[in-house]
Amino acid sequence: MGSFATILSLIGCDSKQTYSIESQSKSIRCSLNGGPLQIDITKGSLNADLTYGGKKSLVNLLKFQDSYQILMKFDPQVGQLKINESGTELTQFVNQQEKREPCQSVNTNP
């Protein structure tokens, strides 16, 4: 019975903590269609500045369970974008395909 309790306590332990994307000001850098994409988020806000293709635009982040849908003016070359809660993976839905790209998230000062 002691080993069963130990197994349960090990399963219940999770040292990995996930913070919401807007919990700190940050800059997220990814690749999109072979070019650089940057998303700048201000702490406490679900609005962000998105820079892609030499253009900067204001976008909104819509929170789902463990990701954020990026709400922006539709561009057929970009499609729909979402980013995971930790800001380390971008998912692109374009031409009925899903593409995933790793991202680098850097905390910035407000």
PDB file of N, CA and C in Angstrom:
ATOM      1  N   MET A   1       0.824  -1.197   0.000  1.00  0.00           N
ATOM      2  CA  MET A   1       0.000   0.000   0.000  1.00  0.00           C
ATOM      3  C   MET A   1       0.862   1.253   0.000  1.00  0.00           C
ATOM      4  N   GLY A   2       2.016   1.199   0.634  1.00  0.00           N
ATOM      5  CA  GLY A   2       2.910   2.348   0.675  1.00  0.00           C
ATOM      6  C   GLY A   2       3.409   2.725  -0.711  1.00  0.00           C
ATOM      7  N   SER A   3       3.742   1.733  -1.543  1.00  0.00           N
ATOM      8  CA  SER A   3       4.232   2.046  -2.892  1.00  0.00           C
ATOM      9  C   SER A   3       3.119   2.631  -3.754  1.00  0.00           C
ATOM     10  N   PHE A   4       1.872   2.208  -3.537  1.00  0.00           N
ATOM     11  CA  PHE A   4       0.741   2.764  -4.274  1.00  0.00           C
ATOM     12  C   PHE A   4       0.583   4.252  -3.957  1.00  0.00           C
ATOM     13  N   ALA A   5       0.712   4.630  -2.678  1.00  0.00           N
ATOM     14  CA  ALA A   5       0.607   6.034  -2.276  1.00  0.00           C
ATOM     15  C   ALA A   5       1.752   6.851  -2.869  1.00  0.00           C
ATOM     16  N   THR A   6       2.941   6.255  -2.952  1.00  0.00           N
ATOM     17  CA  THR A   6       4.084   6.947  -3.540  1.00  0.00           C
ATOM     18  C   THR A   6       3.842   7.218  -5.020  1.00  0.00           C
ATOM     19  N   ILE A   7       3.307   6.239  -5.745  1.00  0.00           N
ATOM     20  CA  ILE A   7       3.012   6.417  -7.164  1.00  0.00           C
ATOM     21  C   ILE A   7       1.993   7.533  -7.353  1.00  0.00           C
ATOM     22  N   LEU A   8       0.965   7.555  -6.518  1.00  0.00           N
ATOM     23  CA  LEU A   8      -0.051   8.604  -6.626  1.00  0.00           C
ATOM     24  C   LEU A   8       0.552   9.978  -6.371  1.00  0.00           C
ATOM     25  N   SER A   9       1.442  10.085  -5.390  1.00  0.00           N
ATOM     26  CA  SER A   9       2.021  11.394  -5.100  1.00  0.00           C
ATOM     27  C   SER A   9       2.961  11.830  -6.216  1.00  0.00           C
ATOM     28  N   LEU A  10       3.655  10.901  -6.874  1.00  0.00           N
ATOM     29  CA  LEU A  10       4.527  11.266  -7.980  1.00  0.00           C
ATOM     30  C   LEU A  10       3.728  11.720  -9.188  1.00  0.00           C
ATOM     31  N   ILE A  11       2.610  11.069  -9.439  1.00  0.00           N
ATOM     32  CA  ILE A  11       1.754  11.467 -10.556  1.00  0.00           C
ATOM     33  C   ILE A  11       1.175  12.849 -10.300  1.00  0.00           C
ATOM     34  N   GLY A  12       0.826  13.142  -9.060  1.00  0.00           N
ATOM     35  CA  GLY A  12       0.221  14.424  -8.708  1.00  0.00           C
ATOM     36  C   GLY A  12       1.206  15.577  -8.722  1.00  0.00           C
ATOM     37  N   CYS A  13       2.518  15.305  -8.711  1.00  0.00           N
ATOM     38  CA  CYS A  13       3.525  16.351  -8.705  1.00  0.00           C
ATOM     39  C   CYS A  13       3.812  16.806 -10.123  1.00  0.00           C
ATOM     40  N   ASP A  14       3.712  18.078 -10.352  1.00  0.00           N
ATOM     41  CA  ASP A  14       4.063  18.626 -11.645  1.00  0.00           C
ATOM     42  C   ASP A  14       4.803  19.932 -11.413  1.00  0.00           C
ATOM     43  N   SER A  15       6.097  19.915 -11.633  1.00  0.00           N
ATOM     44  CA  SER A  15       6.901  21.100 -11.364  1.00  0.00           C
ATOM     45  C   SER A  15       6.808  22.122 -12.496  1.00  0.00           C
ATOM     46  N   LYS A  16       6.267  21.737 -13.655  1.00  0.00           N
ATOM     47  CA  LYS A  16       6.154  22.642 -14.790  1.00  0.00           C
ATOM     48  C   LYS A  16       4.961  23.576 -14.581  1.00  0.00           C
ATOM     49  N   GLN A  17       5.233  24.866 -14.538  1.00  0.00           N
ATOM     50  CA  GLN A  17       4.163  25.839 -14.391  1.00  0.00           C
ATOM     51  C   GLN A  17       3.980  26.568 -15.713  1.00  0.00           C
ATOM     52  N   THR A  18       2.729  26.804 -16.070  1.00  0.00           N
ATOM     53  CA  THR A  18       2.425  27.556 -17.278  1.00  0.00           C
ATOM     54  C   THR A  18       1.778  28.865 -16.872  1.00  0.00           C
ATOM     55  N   TYR A  19       2.294  29.955 -17.403  1.00  0.00           N
ATOM     56  CA  TYR A  19       1.739  31.269 -17.125  1.00  0.00           C
ATOM     57  C   TYR A  19       1.017  31.759 -18.365  1.00  0.00           C
ATOM     58  N   SER A  20      -0.049  32.514 -18.163  1.00  0.00           N
ATOM     59  CA  SER A  20      -0.775  33.033 -19.311  1.00  0.00           C
ATOM     60  C   SER A  20       0.115  34.002 -20.079  1.00  0.00           C
ATOM     61  N   ILE A  21      -0.139  34.088 -21.356  1.00  0.00           N
ATOM     62  CA  ILE A  21       0.707  34.860 -22.257  1.00  0.00           C
ATOM     63  C   ILE A  21       0.759  36.338 -21.873  1.00  0.00           C
ATOM     64  N   GLU A  22      -0.312  36.851 -21.287  1.00  0.00           N
ATOM     65  CA  GLU A  22      -0.354  38.274 -20.939  1.00  0.00           C
ATOM     66  C   GLU A  22       0.089  38.556 -19.508  1.00  0.00           C
ATOM     67  N   SER A  23       0.630  37.557 -18.808  1.00  0.00           N
ATOM     68  CA  SER A  23       1.044  37.751 -17.411  1.00  0.00           C
ATOM     69  C   SER A  23       2.293  38.620 -17.297  1.00  0.00           C
ATOM     70  N   GLN A  24       3.053  38.758 -18.385  1.00  0.00           N
ATOM     71  CA  GLN A  24       4.240  39.612 -18.406  1.00  0.00           C
ATOM     72  C   GLN A  24       4.339  40.250 -19.787  1.00  0.00           C
ATOM     73  N   SER A  25       4.963  41.425 -19.853  1.00  0.00           N
ATOM     74  CA  SER A  25       5.239  42.017 -21.162  1.00  0.00           C
ATOM     75  C   SER A  25       6.264  41.145 -21.849  1.00  0.00           C
ATOM     76  N   LYS A  26       6.015  40.834 -23.127  1.00  0.00           N
ATOM     77  CA  LYS A  26       6.947  39.960 -23.832  1.00  0.00           C
ATOM     78  C   LYS A  26       6.906  40.199 -25.321  1.00  0.00           C
ATOM     79  N   SER A  27       7.959  39.738 -25.948  1.00  0.00           N
ATOM     80  CA  SER A  27       8.083  39.761 -27.395  1.00  0.00           C
ATOM     81  C   SER A  27       8.249  38.319 -27.843  1.00  0.00           C
ATOM     82  N   ILE A  28       7.399  37.899 -28.774  1.00  0.00           N
ATOM     83  CA  ILE A  28       7.423  36.526 -29.276  1.00  0.00           C
ATOM     84  C   ILE A  28       7.875  36.582 -30.728  1.00  0.00           C
ATOM     85  N   ARG A  29       8.912  35.816 -31.042  1.00  0.00           N
ATOM     86  CA  ARG A  29       9.460  35.802 -32.400  1.00  0.00           C
ATOM     87  C   ARG A  29       9.319  34.409 -32.993  1.00  0.00           C
ATOM     88  N   CYS A  30       8.736  34.361 -34.195  1.00  0.00           N
ATOM     89  CA  CYS A  30       8.510  33.095 -34.893  1.00  0.00           C
ATOM     90  C   CYS A  30       8.837  33.295 -36.370  1.00  0.00           C
ATOM     91  N   SER A  31       8.759  32.216 -37.111  1.00  0.00           N
ATOM     92  CA  SER A  31       8.874  32.270 -38.567  1.00  0.00           C
ATOM     93  C   SER A  31       7.486  31.986 -39.139  1.00  0.00           C
ATOM     94  N   LEU A  32       7.104  32.756 -40.148  1.00  0.00           N
ATOM     95  CA  LEU A  32       5.809  32.557 -40.803  1.00  0.00           C
ATOM     96  C   LEU A  32       6.022  32.672 -42.306  1.00  0.00           C
ATOM     97  N   ASN A  33       5.697  31.628 -43.035  1.00  0.00           N
ATOM     98  CA  ASN A  33       5.889  31.588 -44.488  1.00  0.00           C
ATOM     99  C   ASN A  33       7.325  31.932 -44.867  1.00  0.00           C
ATOM    100  N   GLY A  34       8.272  31.517 -44.045  1.00  0.00           N
ATOM    101  CA  GLY A  34       9.689  31.746 -44.329  1.00  0.00           C
ATOM    102  C   GLY A  34      10.215  33.111 -43.931  1.00  0.00           C
ATOM    103  N   GLY A  35       9.354  33.967 -43.393  1.00  0.00           N
ATOM    104  CA  GLY A  35       9.772  35.308 -42.971  1.00  0.00           C
ATOM    105  C   GLY A  35       9.580  35.500 -41.481  1.00  0.00           C
ATOM    106  N   PRO A  36      10.211  36.528 -40.919  1.00  0.00           N
ATOM    107  CA  PRO A  36      10.087  36.764 -39.472  1.00  0.00           C
ATOM    108  C   PRO A  36       8.726  37.348 -39.095  1.00  0.00           C
ATOM    109  N   LEU A  37       8.217  36.896 -37.972  1.00  0.00           N
ATOM    110  CA  LEU A  37       6.977  37.394 -37.377  1.00  0.00           C
ATOM    111  C   LEU A  37       7.296  37.747 -35.934  1.00  0.00           C
ATOM    112  N   GLN A  38       6.833  38.888 -35.486  1.00  0.00           N
ATOM    113  CA  GLN A  38       7.036  39.284 -34.096  1.00  0.00           C
ATOM    114  C   GLN A  38       5.715  39.743 -33.496  1.00  0.00           C
ATOM    115  N   ILE A  39       5.440  39.284 -32.282  1.00  0.00           N
ATOM    116  CA  ILE A  39       4.231  39.671 -31.555  1.00  0.00           C
ATOM    117  C   ILE A  39       4.684  40.297 -30.242  1.00  0.00           C
ATOM    118  N   ASP A  40       4.336  41.565 -30.026  1.00  0.00           N
ATOM    119  CA  ASP A  40       4.694  42.267 -28.796  1.00  0.00           C
ATOM    120  C   ASP A  40       3.446  42.407 -27.937  1.00  0.00           C
ATOM    121  N   ILE A  41       3.533  41.869 -26.720  1.00  0.00           N
ATOM    122  CA  ILE A  41       2.393  41.848 -25.800  1.00  0.00           C
ATOM    123  C   ILE A  41       2.737  42.658 -24.556  1.00  0.00           C
ATOM    124  N   THR A  42       1.802  43.494 -24.123  1.00  0.00           N
ATOM    125  CA  THR A  42       1.969  44.273 -22.901  1.00  0.00           C
ATOM    126  C   THR A  42       1.278  43.549 -21.762  1.00  0.00           C
ATOM    127  N   LYS A  43       1.941  43.503 -20.613  1.00  0.00           N
ATOM    128  CA  LYS A  43       1.403  42.828 -19.441  1.00  0.00           C
ATOM    129  C   LYS A  43      -0.033  43.274 -19.161  1.00  0.00           C
ATOM    130  N   GLY A  44      -0.918  42.299 -18.955  1.00  0.00           N
ATOM    131  CA  GLY A  44      -2.297  42.569 -18.594  1.00  0.00           C
ATOM    132  C   GLY A  44      -3.209  42.904 -19.760  1.00  0.00           C
ATOM    133  N   SER A  45      -2.700  42.850 -20.977  1.00  0.00           N
ATOM    134  CA  SER A  45      -3.499  43.214 -22.145  1.00  0.00           C
ATOM    135  C   SER A  45      -3.622  42.041 -23.106  1.00  0.00           C
ATOM    136  N   LEU A  46      -4.770  41.923 -23.737  1.00  0.00           N
ATOM    137  CA  LEU A  46      -4.959  40.926 -24.784  1.00  0.00           C
ATOM    138  C   LEU A  46      -4.916  41.574 -26.163  1.00  0.00           C
ATOM    139  N   ASN A  47      -4.378  42.793 -26.219  1.00  0.00           N
ATOM    140  CA  ASN A  47      -4.064  43.450 -27.483  1.00  0.00           C
ATOM    141  C   ASN A  47      -2.569  43.273 -27.700  1.00  0.00           C
ATOM    142  N   ALA A  48      -2.156  43.163 -28.942  1.00  0.00           N
ATOM    143  CA  ALA A  48      -0.737  42.977 -29.235  1.00  0.00           C
ATOM    144  C   ALA A  48      -0.395  43.670 -30.541  1.00  0.00           C
ATOM    145  N   ASP A  49       0.883  44.002 -30.689  1.00  0.00           N
ATOM    146  CA  ASP A  49       1.400  44.515 -31.949  1.00  0.00           C
ATOM    147  C   ASP A  49       2.016  43.351 -32.699  1.00  0.00           C
ATOM    148  N   LEU A  50       1.571  43.138 -33.933  1.00  0.00           N
ATOM    149  CA  LEU A  50       2.091  42.063 -34.766  1.00  0.00           C
ATOM    150  C   LEU A  50       2.853  42.691 -35.923  1.00  0.00           C
ATOM    151  N   THR A  51       4.110  42.282 -36.087  1.00  0.00           N
ATOM    152  CA  THR A  51       4.934  42.785 -37.176  1.00  0.00           C
ATOM    153  C   THR A  51       5.267  41.619 -38.094  1.00  0.00           C
ATOM    154  N   TYR A  52       4.875  41.764 -39.356  1.00  0.00           N
ATOM    155  CA  TYR A  52       5.115  40.712 -40.351  1.00  0.00           C
ATOM    156  C   TYR A  52       5.166  41.344 -41.729  1.00  0.00           C
ATOM    157  N   GLY A  53       6.116  40.944 -42.535  1.00  0.00           N
ATOM    158  CA  GLY A  53       6.223  41.462 -43.897  1.00  0.00           C
ATOM    159  C   GLY A  53       6.450  42.958 -43.949  1.00  0.00           C
ATOM    160  N   GLY A  54       7.161  43.496 -42.959  1.00  0.00           N
ATOM    161  CA  GLY A  54       7.436  44.927 -42.931  1.00  0.00           C
ATOM    162  C   GLY A  54       6.277  45.777 -42.464  1.00  0.00           C
ATOM    163  N   LYS A  55       5.176  45.158 -42.074  1.00  0.00           N
ATOM    164  CA  LYS A  55       4.003  45.899 -41.613  1.00  0.00           C
ATOM    165  C   LYS A  55       3.733  45.595 -40.147  1.00  0.00           C
ATOM    166  N   LYS A  56       3.325  46.625 -39.429  1.00  0.00           N
ATOM    167  CA  LYS A  56       2.965  46.474 -38.020  1.00  0.00           C
ATOM    168  C   LYS A  56       1.466  46.730 -37.894  1.00  0.00           C
ATOM    169  N   SER A  57       0.770  45.835 -37.194  1.00  0.00           N
ATOM    170  CA  SER A  57      -0.666  46.018 -37.012  1.00  0.00           C
ATOM    171  C   SER A  57      -1.077  45.605 -35.608  1.00  0.00           C
ATOM    172  N   LEU A  58      -2.164  46.192 -35.159  1.00  0.00           N
ATOM    173  CA  LEU A  58      -2.729  45.860 -33.854  1.00  0.00           C
ATOM    174  C   LEU A  58      -3.625  44.642 -34.019  1.00  0.00           C
ATOM    175  N   VAL A  59      -3.419  43.633 -33.175  1.00  0.00           N
ATOM    176  CA  VAL A  59      -4.239  42.421 -33.196  1.00  0.00           C
ATOM    177  C   VAL A  59      -4.787  42.179 -31.796  1.00  0.00           C
ATOM    178  N   ASN A  60      -5.777  41.329 -31.713  1.00  0.00           N
ATOM    179  CA  ASN A  60      -6.354  40.937 -30.439  1.00  0.00           C
ATOM    180  C   ASN A  60      -6.088  39.461 -30.220  1.00  0.00           C
ATOM    181  N   LEU A  61      -5.920  39.085 -28.972  1.00  0.00           N
ATOM    182  CA  LEU A  61      -5.717  37.694 -28.600  1.00  0.00           C
ATOM    183  C   LEU A  61      -6.968  37.202 -27.903  1.00  0.00           C
ATOM    184  N   LEU A  62      -7.529  36.112 -28.377  1.00  0.00           N
ATOM    185  CA  LEU A  62      -8.733  35.528 -27.806  1.00  0.00           C
ATOM    186  C   LEU A  62      -8.345  34.236 -27.116  1.00  0.00           C
ATOM    187  N   LYS A  63      -8.508  34.191 -25.793  1.00  0.00           N
ATOM    188  CA  LYS A  63      -8.067  33.056 -24.980  1.00  0.00           C
ATOM    189  C   LYS A  63      -8.991  31.863 -25.140  1.00  0.00           C
ATOM    190  N   PHE A  64      -8.390  30.705 -25.418  1.00  0.00           N
ATOM    191  CA  PHE A  64      -9.079  29.422 -25.378  1.00  0.00           C
ATOM    192  C   PHE A  64      -8.446  28.612 -24.265  1.00  0.00           C
ATOM    193  N   GLN A  65      -8.695  27.332 -24.195  1.00  0.00           N
ATOM    194  CA  GLN A  65      -8.210  26.511 -23.089  1.00  0.00           C
ATOM    195  C   GLN A  65      -6.714  26.660 -22.847  1.00  0.00           C
ATOM    196  N   ASP A  66      -5.892  26.331 -23.828  1.00  0.00           N
ATOM    197  CA  ASP A  66      -4.445  26.407 -23.629  1.00  0.00           C
ATOM    198  C   ASP A  66      -3.748  27.132 -24.773  1.00  0.00           C
ATOM    199  N   SER A  67      -4.498  27.988 -25.460  1.00  0.00           N
ATOM    200  CA  SER A  67      -3.916  28.739 -26.568  1.00  0.00           C
ATOM    201  C   SER A  67      -4.681  30.050 -26.757  1.00  0.00           C
ATOM    202  N   TYR A  68      -4.151  30.876 -27.653  1.00  0.00           N
ATOM    203  CA  TYR A  68      -4.763  32.162 -27.982  1.00  0.00           C
ATOM    204  C   TYR A  68      -4.939  32.249 -29.487  1.00  0.00           C
ATOM    205  N   GLN A  69      -6.155  32.526 -29.920  1.00  0.00           N
ATOM    206  CA  GLN A  69      -6.428  32.799 -31.329  1.00  0.00           C
ATOM    207  C   GLN A  69      -5.992  34.235 -31.580  1.00  0.00           C
ATOM    208  N   ILE A  70      -5.267  34.486 -32.659  1.00  0.00           N
ATOM    209  CA  ILE A  70      -4.838  35.835 -33.011  1.00  0.00           C
ATOM    210  C   ILE A  70      -5.865  36.399 -33.982  1.00  0.00           C
ATOM    211  N   LEU A  71      -6.610  37.404 -33.524  1.00  0.00           N
ATOM    212  CA  LEU A  71      -7.657  38.010 -34.339  1.00  0.00           C
ATOM    213  C   LEU A  71      -7.069  39.191 -35.094  1.00  0.00           C
ATOM    214  N   MET A  72      -7.117  39.112 -36.415  1.00  0.00           N
ATOM    215  CA  MET A  72      -6.527  40.143 -37.255  1.00  0.00           C
ATOM    216  C   MET A  72      -7.266  40.197 -38.579  1.00  0.00           C
ATOM    217  N   LYS A  73      -6.974  41.235 -39.361  1.00  0.00           N
ATOM    218  CA  LYS A  73      -7.555  41.348 -40.692  1.00  0.00           C
ATOM    219  C   LYS A  73      -7.114  40.132 -41.502  1.00  0.00           C
ATOM    220  N   PHE A  74      -8.068  39.496 -42.198  1.00  0.00           N
ATOM    221  CA  PHE A  74      -7.759  38.265 -42.911  1.00  0.00           C
ATOM    222  C   PHE A  74      -6.818  38.526 -44.078  1.00  0.00           C
ATOM    223  N   ASP A  75      -5.812  37.688 -44.177  1.00  0.00           N
ATOM    224  CA  ASP A  75      -4.850  37.712 -45.278  1.00  0.00           C
ATOM    225  C   ASP A  75      -4.750  36.275 -45.791  1.00  0.00           C
ATOM    226  N   PRO A  76      -5.078  36.013 -47.065  1.00  0.00           N
ATOM    227  CA  PRO A  76      -5.069  34.631 -47.571  1.00  0.00           C
ATOM    228  C   PRO A  76      -3.688  33.975 -47.508  1.00  0.00           C
ATOM    229  N   GLN A  77      -2.616  34.762 -47.503  1.00  0.00           N
ATOM    230  CA  GLN A  77      -1.267  34.195 -47.392  1.00  0.00           C
ATOM    231  C   GLN A  77      -0.952  33.762 -45.959  1.00  0.00           C
ATOM    232  N   VAL A  78      -1.616  34.386 -44.988  1.00  0.00           N
ATOM    233  CA  VAL A  78      -1.374  34.096 -43.574  1.00  0.00           C
ATOM    234  C   VAL A  78      -2.396  33.104 -43.044  1.00  0.00           C
ATOM    235  N   GLY A  79      -3.658  33.276 -43.407  1.00  0.00           N
ATOM    236  CA  GLY A  79      -4.716  32.413 -42.885  1.00  0.00           C
ATOM    237  C   GLY A  79      -5.049  32.788 -41.451  1.00  0.00           C
ATOM    238  N   GLN A  80      -5.294  31.786 -40.633  1.00  0.00           N
ATOM    239  CA  GLN A  80      -5.606  32.008 -39.219  1.00  0.00           C
ATOM    240  C   GLN A  80      -4.407  31.577 -38.386  1.00  0.00           C
ATOM    241  N   LEU A  81      -4.172  32.332 -37.304  1.00  0.00           N
ATOM    242  CA  LEU A  81      -3.033  32.042 -36.435  1.00  0.00           C
ATOM    243  C   LEU A  81      -3.478  31.835 -35.007  1.00  0.00           C
ATOM    244  N   LYS A  82      -2.783  30.952 -34.317  1.00  0.00           N
ATOM    245  CA  LYS A  82      -2.964  30.834 -32.875  1.00  0.00           C
ATOM    246  C   LYS A  82      -1.601  30.540 -32.278  1.00  0.00           C
ATOM    247  N   ILE A  83      -1.469  30.882 -31.014  1.00  0.00           N
ATOM    248  CA  ILE A  83      -0.203  30.679 -30.310  1.00  0.00           C
ATOM    249  C   ILE A  83      -0.491  29.981 -28.993  1.00  0.00           C
ATOM    250  N   ASN A  84       0.407  29.091 -28.583  1.00  0.00           N
ATOM    251  CA  ASN A  84       0.159  28.379 -27.331  1.00  0.00           C
ATOM    252  C   ASN A  84       0.342  29.320 -26.137  1.00  0.00           C
ATOM    253  N   GLU A  85      -0.124  28.872 -24.992  1.00  0.00           N
ATOM    254  CA  GLU A  85      -0.168  29.714 -23.799  1.00  0.00           C
ATOM    255  C   GLU A  85       1.204  30.207 -23.350  1.00  0.00           C
ATOM    256  N   SER A  86       2.231  29.422 -23.551  1.00  0.00           N
ATOM    257  CA  SER A  86       3.565  29.840 -23.120  1.00  0.00           C
ATOM    258  C   SER A  86       4.298  30.664 -24.180  1.00  0.00           C
ATOM    259  N   GLY A  87       3.715  30.803 -25.379  1.00  0.00           N
ATOM    260  CA  GLY A  87       4.330  31.606 -26.422  1.00  0.00           C
ATOM    261  C   GLY A  87       5.495  30.921 -27.111  1.00  0.00           C
ATOM    262  N   THR A  88       5.506  29.602 -27.124  1.00  0.00           N
ATOM    263  CA  THR A  88       6.621  28.866 -27.709  1.00  0.00           C
ATOM    264  C   THR A  88       6.270  28.135 -29.004  1.00  0.00           C
ATOM    265  N   GLU A  89       4.997  28.205 -29.432  1.00  0.00           N
ATOM    266  CA  GLU A  89       4.615  27.539 -30.674  1.00  0.00           C
ATOM    267  C   GLU A  89       3.485  28.303 -31.357  1.00  0.00           C
ATOM    268  N   LEU A  90       3.685  28.574 -32.642  1.00  0.00           N
ATOM    269  CA  LEU A  90       2.693  29.241 -33.477  1.00  0.00           C
ATOM    270  C   LEU A  90       2.064  28.199 -34.380  1.00  0.00           C
ATOM    271  N   THR A  91       0.738  28.216 -34.480  1.00  0.00           N
ATOM    272  CA  THR A  91       0.030  27.322 -35.388  1.00  0.00           C
ATOM    273  C   THR A  91      -0.652  28.180 -36.440  1.00  0.00           C
ATOM    274  N   GLN A  92      -0.429  27.828 -37.700  1.00  0.00           N
ATOM    275  CA  GLN A  92      -1.013  28.539 -38.828  1.00  0.00           C
ATOM    276  C   GLN A  92      -1.971  27.605 -39.559  1.00  0.00           C
ATOM    277  N   PHE A  93      -3.185  28.071 -39.791  1.00  0.00           N
ATOM    278  CA  PHE A  93      -4.177  27.344 -40.578  1.00  0.00           C
ATOM    279  C   PHE A  93      -4.344  28.100 -41.893  1.00  0.00           C
ATOM    280  N   VAL A  94      -3.840  27.511 -42.990  1.00  0.00           N
ATOM    281  CA  VAL A  94      -3.930  28.160 -44.291  1.00  0.00           C
ATOM    282  C   VAL A  94      -4.111  27.082 -45.357  1.00  0.00           C
ATOM    283  N   ASN A  95      -4.977  27.360 -46.332  1.00  0.00           N
ATOM    284  CA  ASN A  95      -5.258  26.421 -47.428  1.00  0.00           C
ATOM    285  C   ASN A  95      -5.591  25.022 -46.912  1.00  0.00           C
ATOM    286  N   GLN A  96      -6.406  24.959 -45.896  1.00  0.00           N
ATOM    287  CA  GLN A  96      -6.868  23.707 -45.279  1.00  0.00           C
ATOM    288  C   GLN A  96      -5.722  22.859 -44.740  1.00  0.00           C
ATOM    289  N   GLN A  97      -4.615  23.496 -44.389  1.00  0.00           N
ATOM    290  CA  GLN A  97      -3.482  22.802 -43.788  1.00  0.00           C
ATOM    291  C   GLN A  97      -3.102  23.486 -42.489  1.00  0.00           C
ATOM    292  N   GLU A  98      -2.549  22.707 -41.593  1.00  0.00           N
ATOM    293  CA  GLU A  98      -2.065  23.220 -40.317  1.00  0.00           C
ATOM    294  C   GLU A  98      -0.545  23.140 -40.311  1.00  0.00           C
ATOM    295  N   LYS A  99       0.093  24.265 -40.021  1.00  0.00           N
ATOM    296  CA  LYS A  99       1.552  24.324 -39.926  1.00  0.00           C
ATOM    297  C   LYS A  99       1.917  24.805 -38.526  1.00  0.00           C
ATOM    298  N   ARG A 100       2.915  24.177 -37.935  1.00  0.00           N
ATOM    299  CA  ARG A 100       3.385  24.571 -36.601  1.00  0.00           C
ATOM    300  C   ARG A 100       4.830  25.040 -36.697  1.00  0.00           C
ATOM    301  N   GLU A 101       5.104  26.134 -36.004  1.00  0.00           N
ATOM    302  CA  GLU A 101       6.448  26.701 -35.983  1.00  0.00           C
ATOM    303  C   GLU A 101       6.857  26.987 -34.537  1.00  0.00           C
ATOM    304  N   PRO A 102       8.096  26.677 -34.191  1.00  0.00           N
ATOM    305  CA  PRO A 102       8.567  27.025 -32.843  1.00  0.00           C
ATOM    306  C   PRO A 102       8.758  28.540 -32.746  1.00  0.00           C
ATOM    307  N   CYS A 103       8.589  29.057 -31.549  1.00  0.00           N
ATOM    308  CA  CYS A 103       8.756  30.485 -31.301  1.00  0.00           C
ATOM    309  C   CYS A 103       9.682  30.688 -30.113  1.00  0.00           C
ATOM    310  N   GLN A 104      10.246  31.868 -30.057  1.00  0.00           N
ATOM    311  CA  GLN A 104      11.069  32.250 -28.918  1.00  0.00           C
ATOM    312  C   GLN A 104      10.347  33.385 -28.214  1.00  0.00           C
ATOM    313  N   SER A 105      10.130  33.231 -26.925  1.00  0.00           N
ATOM    314  CA  SER A 105       9.426  34.229 -26.141  1.00  0.00           C
ATOM    315  C   SER A 105      10.415  34.889 -25.188  1.00  0.00           C
ATOM    316  N   VAL A 106      10.513  36.227 -25.257  1.00  0.00           N
ATOM    317  CA  VAL A 106      11.445  36.977 -24.426  1.00  0.00           C
ATOM    318  C   VAL A 106      10.657  37.975 -23.594  1.00  0.00           C
ATOM    319  N   ASN A 107      10.796  37.913 -22.271  1.00  0.00           N
ATOM    320  CA  ASN A 107      10.135  38.897 -21.403  1.00  0.00           C
ATOM    321  C   ASN A 107      10.780  40.253 -21.597  1.00  0.00           C
ATOM    322  N   THR A 108       9.950  41.298 -21.663  1.00  0.00           N
ATOM    323  CA  THR A 108      10.444  42.674 -21.822  1.00  0.00           C
ATOM    324  C   THR A 108       9.912  43.515 -20.683  1.00  0.00           C
ATOM    325  N   ASN A 109      10.524  44.651 -20.473  1.00  0.00           N
ATOM    326  CA  ASN A 109      10.031  45.574 -19.449  1.00  0.00           C
ATOM    327  C   ASN A 109       8.904  46.393 -20.027  1.00  0.00           C
ATOM    328  N   PRO A 110       7.897  46.732 -19.205  1.00  0.00           N
ATOM    329  CA  PRO A 110       6.767  47.514 -19.713  1.00  0.00           C
ATOM    330  C   PRO A 110       7.176  48.910 -20.113  1.00  0.00           C
TER     331      PRO A 110
END
